[in-house]
Amino acid sequence: MKSYGQFCSIARALDLVGERWTLLVIRELLCGTVRFNDLRRGVPRISRTMLAARLRALCDAGLVTRARGEGPSYSLTEAGRELAGTIRELGTWGQRWLPRDLPPSELDSDALLWDIRRRVRRELLPEVPIVMRIELADERPRGGDRFLLLRRDEVSLCAHNPGFPEELHVRAPVQILTAWLARGHLAVARALRRNDDRRPPRVGARVPDLVRALPVRRGRPCLAAWLVRISYSGAPAPRPRVRS
């Protein structure tokens, strides 16, 4: 590991956490991920070898502990958890000052869908399993459909419908879904106007209840407005008041 060779505490901290991928691995651990393969799903472009090296370095530095059980799991120490404020402020700065139009090289559907999956509020889900289909309109030739299996004791991201009713159906290009859901700078009305595929998705009768369990942005269900605006039970829903 290269060092800045300075006594400054900022430089010394960067010697440890400034290597490529390190802060993203810590971000995933802060989000509650504990398994190696799940860490890779949260940072899908990191190689297994690099992830193992970063985890080993963090363990050696006392920021992460590794526990053995049915399989190894990782968790942050007190020193690692104290980086939460730093990562939060770094993300806030990025949201405020970095360009909002993302180039194709920064659009990662796997990371986006994994983020949606882990932010579902399980306590609001029904006990009976249902499926949410997410159709990535610009990835259809490569099999752009993904499925979230939703029930109170499980939320799983699947490549195929595991055999339960599809109560929710979202259709959007990756860029719009990322700008709206993950980055939070695209309002619902603008997202609808920018979506080239305006066919209404099929949604089931329990949509108003289910959307409350979906990820929340700025204190509000960020998928609810779009889904409820389009339809449920086969009938048009009231249009929510949204700002462009």
Protein backbone atom coordinates (compact mmCIF):
# COMPACT_ATOMS: atom_id res chain seq x y z
CA MET A 1 0.00 0.00 0.00
CA LYS A 2 1.39 3.38 -1.02
CA SER A 3 1.66 6.08 1.61
CA TYR A 4 1.47 9.85 1.36
CA GLY A 5 4.35 9.97 3.85
CA GLN A 6 2.87 12.85 5.85
CA PHE A 7 2.14 13.26 9.55
CA CYS A 8 -1.21 14.96 8.72
CA SER A 9 -4.06 12.84 10.11
CA ILE A 10 -6.02 13.31 6.85
CA ALA A 11 -3.13 11.89 4.85
CA ARG A 12 -2.66 9.02 7.29
CA ALA A 13 -6.38 8.21 7.19
CA LEU A 14 -6.27 8.21 3.39
CA ASP A 15 -3.32 5.82 3.52
CA LEU A 16 -5.79 3.35 5.05
CA VAL A 17 -9.19 4.07 3.50
CA GLY A 18 -8.21 5.99 0.37
CA GLU A 19 -7.41 2.93 -1.74
CA ARG A 20 -9.83 2.21 -4.59
CA TRP A 21 -12.95 0.28 -3.48
CA THR A 22 -12.23 0.58 0.24
CA LEU A 23 -14.86 3.20 1.09
CA LEU A 24 -17.44 1.37 -1.03
CA VAL A 25 -16.80 -1.82 0.92
CA ILE A 26 -17.24 0.13 4.16
CA ARG A 27 -20.45 1.65 2.74
CA GLU A 28 -21.84 -1.84 2.18
CA LEU A 29 -20.91 -2.93 5.70
CA LEU A 30 -22.59 0.18 7.09
CA CYS A 31 -25.73 -0.81 5.16
CA GLY A 32 -25.82 -4.10 7.04
CA THR A 33 -24.19 -6.47 4.56
CA VAL A 34 -22.19 -9.21 6.29
CA ARG A 35 -21.51 -11.93 3.69
CA PHE A 36 -18.73 -11.90 1.10
CA ASN A 37 -20.99 -12.66 -1.87
CA ASP A 38 -23.49 -10.02 -0.79
CA LEU A 39 -20.68 -7.48 -0.58
CA ARG A 40 -19.84 -8.31 -4.18
CA ARG A 41 -23.46 -7.80 -5.21
CA GLY A 42 -23.38 -4.36 -3.65
CA VAL A 43 -20.11 -3.53 -5.43
CA PRO A 44 -20.50 -5.73 -8.53
CA ARG A 45 -17.49 -4.40 -10.43
CA ILE A 46 -14.94 -5.40 -7.81
CA SER A 47 -13.15 -8.71 -8.36
CA ARG A 48 -13.24 -11.43 -5.74
CA THR A 49 -9.47 -11.15 -5.30
CA MET A 50 -9.61 -7.39 -4.75
CA LEU A 51 -12.53 -7.65 -2.33
CA ALA A 52 -10.69 -10.28 -0.30
CA ALA A 53 -7.61 -8.04 -0.20
CA ARG A 54 -9.59 -4.99 0.91
CA LEU A 55 -11.37 -6.94 3.66
CA ARG A 56 -8.08 -8.40 4.85
CA ALA A 57 -6.52 -4.92 5.04
CA LEU A 58 -9.50 -3.56 6.95
CA CYS A 59 -9.35 -6.46 9.38
CA ASP A 60 -5.62 -5.95 9.92
CA ALA A 61 -6.24 -2.24 10.58
CA GLY A 62 -8.90 -2.95 13.18
CA LEU A 63 -11.84 -1.48 11.24
CA VAL A 64 -13.51 -4.82 10.46
CA THR A 65 -13.84 -8.12 12.29
CA ARG A 66 -14.28 -11.51 10.63
CA ALA A 67 -16.37 -14.15 12.36
CA ARG A 68 -16.69 -17.83 11.48
CA GLY A 69 -19.93 -19.78 11.55
CA GLU A 70 -21.80 -21.48 8.75
CA GLY A 71 -19.71 -19.15 6.61
CA PRO A 72 -17.43 -16.19 7.34
CA SER A 73 -19.18 -12.92 8.09
CA TYR A 74 -17.83 -9.40 8.43
CA SER A 75 -18.81 -6.50 10.68
CA LEU A 76 -17.44 -3.09 11.49
CA THR A 77 -15.66 -2.34 14.74
CA GLU A 78 -16.25 0.89 16.64
CA ALA A 79 -13.50 2.53 14.58
CA GLY A 80 -15.16 1.37 11.35
CA ARG A 81 -18.63 2.53 12.42
CA GLU A 82 -17.29 6.00 13.14
CA LEU A 83 -16.67 6.39 9.40
CA ALA A 84 -20.46 6.55 8.88
CA GLY A 85 -20.52 10.33 9.25
CA THR A 86 -17.61 10.75 6.85
CA ILE A 87 -19.24 8.59 4.18
CA ARG A 88 -22.60 10.30 4.65
CA GLU A 89 -21.07 13.76 4.24
CA LEU A 90 -19.06 12.60 1.21
CA GLY A 91 -22.29 11.35 -0.39
CA THR A 92 -24.08 14.61 0.43
CA TRP A 93 -21.28 16.60 -1.17
CA GLY A 94 -21.44 14.41 -4.27
CA GLN A 95 -25.20 14.85 -4.58
CA ARG A 96 -24.83 18.60 -4.30
CA TRP A 97 -21.82 19.35 -6.48
CA LEU A 98 -21.21 16.54 -8.98
CA PRO A 99 -22.89 16.60 -12.43
CA ARG A 100 -26.34 15.05 -12.30
CA ASP A 101 -26.31 13.58 -15.78
CA LEU A 102 -24.66 10.20 -15.41
CA PRO A 103 -22.57 8.79 -18.27
CA PRO A 104 -23.34 5.20 -19.35
CA SER A 105 -20.15 4.00 -17.67
CA GLU A 106 -21.59 4.97 -14.26
CA LEU A 107 -24.96 3.25 -14.74
CA ASP A 108 -24.96 -0.13 -13.02
CA SER A 109 -28.31 -1.92 -12.98
CA ASP A 110 -27.03 -4.71 -10.72
CA ALA A 111 -25.94 -2.28 -8.01
CA LEU A 112 -29.17 -0.28 -8.36
CA LEU A 113 -31.44 -3.30 -7.98
CA TRP A 114 -29.45 -4.63 -5.04
CA ASP A 115 -29.86 -1.25 -3.36
CA ILE A 116 -33.63 -1.37 -3.94
CA ARG A 117 -33.76 -4.87 -2.49
CA ARG A 118 -31.97 -4.10 0.75
CA ARG A 119 -34.00 -0.96 1.49
CA VAL A 120 -37.42 -2.63 1.41
CA ARG A 121 -39.15 -2.30 4.78
CA ARG A 122 -39.97 -5.90 5.61
CA GLU A 123 -42.22 -5.12 8.53
CA LEU A 124 -44.75 -3.60 6.11
CA LEU A 125 -44.81 -6.57 3.73
CA PRO A 126 -47.58 -9.19 3.71
CA GLU A 127 -46.85 -12.65 5.07
CA VAL A 128 -48.04 -14.21 1.80
CA PRO A 129 -45.25 -13.96 -0.82
CA ILE A 130 -45.75 -11.77 -3.86
CA VAL A 131 -43.45 -10.65 -6.68
CA MET A 132 -42.47 -7.24 -8.00
CA ARG A 133 -41.28 -7.20 -11.62
CA ILE A 134 -38.76 -4.51 -12.54
CA GLU A 135 -38.44 -4.12 -16.29
CA LEU A 136 -35.32 -2.27 -17.40
CA ALA A 137 -36.56 -1.01 -20.74
CA ASP A 138 -33.12 -0.36 -22.21
CA GLU A 139 -31.78 -3.80 -21.26
CA ARG A 140 -34.52 -5.94 -22.81
CA PRO A 141 -32.27 -7.53 -25.47
CA ARG A 142 -30.01 -8.75 -22.62
CA GLY A 143 -32.86 -9.92 -20.42
CA GLY A 144 -33.65 -6.72 -18.54
CA ASP A 145 -36.41 -8.09 -16.29
CA ARG A 146 -35.65 -8.67 -12.60
CA PHE A 147 -37.95 -9.91 -9.88
CA LEU A 148 -38.16 -9.04 -6.20
CA LEU A 149 -39.67 -11.78 -4.05
CA LEU A 150 -41.39 -9.90 -1.23
CA ARG A 151 -42.65 -11.31 2.03
CA ARG A 152 -42.23 -10.38 5.65
CA ASP A 153 -39.43 -12.85 6.36
CA GLU A 154 -37.62 -12.58 3.02
CA VAL A 155 -36.71 -10.13 0.28
CA SER A 156 -34.82 -11.76 -2.60
CA LEU A 157 -33.64 -10.43 -5.94
CA CYS A 158 -34.20 -13.05 -8.65
CA ALA A 159 -33.49 -13.40 -12.36
CA HIS A 160 -36.78 -15.28 -12.85
CA ASN A 161 -40.20 -15.20 -11.22
CA PRO A 162 -39.99 -17.80 -8.42
CA GLY A 163 -43.62 -18.74 -8.99
CA PHE A 164 -45.75 -16.19 -7.12
CA PRO A 165 -48.26 -13.56 -8.34
CA GLU A 166 -46.78 -10.38 -9.82
CA GLU A 167 -48.55 -7.68 -7.84
CA LEU A 168 -46.25 -4.82 -8.86
CA HIS A 169 -44.67 -3.98 -12.20
CA VAL A 170 -42.23 -1.10 -12.77
CA ARG A 171 -40.94 -0.25 -16.25
CA ALA A 172 -38.19 2.33 -16.87
CA PRO A 173 -34.75 2.76 -18.45
CA VAL A 174 -31.85 2.33 -16.06
CA GLN A 175 -30.85 5.98 -16.32
CA ILE A 176 -34.29 7.28 -15.29
CA LEU A 177 -34.71 4.74 -12.51
CA THR A 178 -31.26 5.62 -11.17
CA ALA A 179 -31.83 9.39 -11.34
CA TRP A 180 -35.22 9.05 -9.66
CA LEU A 181 -34.72 6.34 -7.08
CA ALA A 182 -31.03 6.17 -6.20
CA ARG A 183 -29.88 9.77 -6.68
CA GLY A 184 -33.22 11.43 -5.87
CA HIS A 185 -32.92 14.46 -8.14
CA LEU A 186 -35.59 13.53 -10.69
CA ALA A 187 -39.17 14.20 -9.62
CA VAL A 188 -41.92 11.74 -10.49
CA ALA A 189 -43.60 13.95 -13.08
CA ARG A 190 -40.31 14.58 -14.90
CA ALA A 191 -39.47 10.87 -14.79
CA LEU A 192 -42.76 10.07 -16.48
CA ARG A 193 -42.19 12.70 -19.17
CA ARG A 194 -38.67 11.41 -19.86
CA ASN A 195 -39.70 7.75 -20.02
CA ASP A 196 -39.91 6.78 -23.70
CA ASP A 197 -41.98 3.69 -22.98
CA ARG A 198 -45.31 5.04 -21.73
CA ARG A 199 -47.26 1.76 -21.68
CA PRO A 200 -48.95 1.40 -18.29
CA PRO A 201 -47.51 -1.39 -16.18
CA ARG A 202 -49.74 -4.12 -14.81
CA VAL A 203 -50.20 -3.83 -11.07
CA GLY A 204 -52.35 -5.72 -8.60
CA ALA A 205 -55.09 -4.72 -6.22
CA ARG A 206 -52.83 -4.39 -3.18
CA VAL A 207 -50.60 -1.68 -4.66
CA PRO A 208 -51.56 1.11 -2.18
CA ASP A 209 -50.55 -1.18 0.71
CA LEU A 210 -47.45 -2.64 -0.88
CA VAL A 211 -45.82 0.57 -2.05
CA ARG A 212 -45.50 1.75 1.54
CA ALA A 213 -43.00 -1.06 2.07
CA LEU A 214 -40.79 0.01 -0.81
CA PRO A 215 -37.61 2.09 -0.39
CA VAL A 216 -38.01 5.55 1.07
CA ARG A 217 -36.26 8.68 -0.24
CA ARG A 218 -36.41 11.86 1.83
CA GLY A 219 -39.04 10.35 4.10
CA ARG A 220 -41.43 9.36 1.29
CA PRO A 221 -41.97 6.11 -0.63
CA CYS A 222 -40.09 6.92 -3.81
CA LEU A 223 -41.87 4.32 -5.96
CA ALA A 224 -45.33 4.90 -4.52
CA ALA A 225 -46.23 8.03 -6.47
CA TRP A 226 -45.48 6.48 -9.85
CA LEU A 227 -47.21 3.18 -9.20
CA VAL A 228 -50.32 4.63 -7.60
CA ARG A 229 -50.51 7.37 -10.23
CA ILE A 230 -50.80 4.87 -13.07
CA SER A 231 -53.31 2.29 -11.93
CA TYR A 232 -54.35 -0.33 -9.44
CA SER A 233 -57.14 -2.91 -9.60
CA GLY A 234 -57.35 -2.12 -13.30
CA ALA A 235 -58.68 1.41 -12.71
CA PRO A 236 -56.96 4.82 -12.88
CA ALA A 237 -55.72 6.04 -9.53
CA PRO A 238 -55.90 9.63 -8.26
CA ARG A 239 -52.94 11.70 -9.43
CA PRO A 240 -50.71 12.68 -6.53
CA ARG A 241 -49.49 16.24 -6.31
CA VAL A 242 -45.86 16.25 -7.41
CA ARG A 243 -43.39 18.94 -8.32
CA SER A 244 -41.37 18.84 -11.50
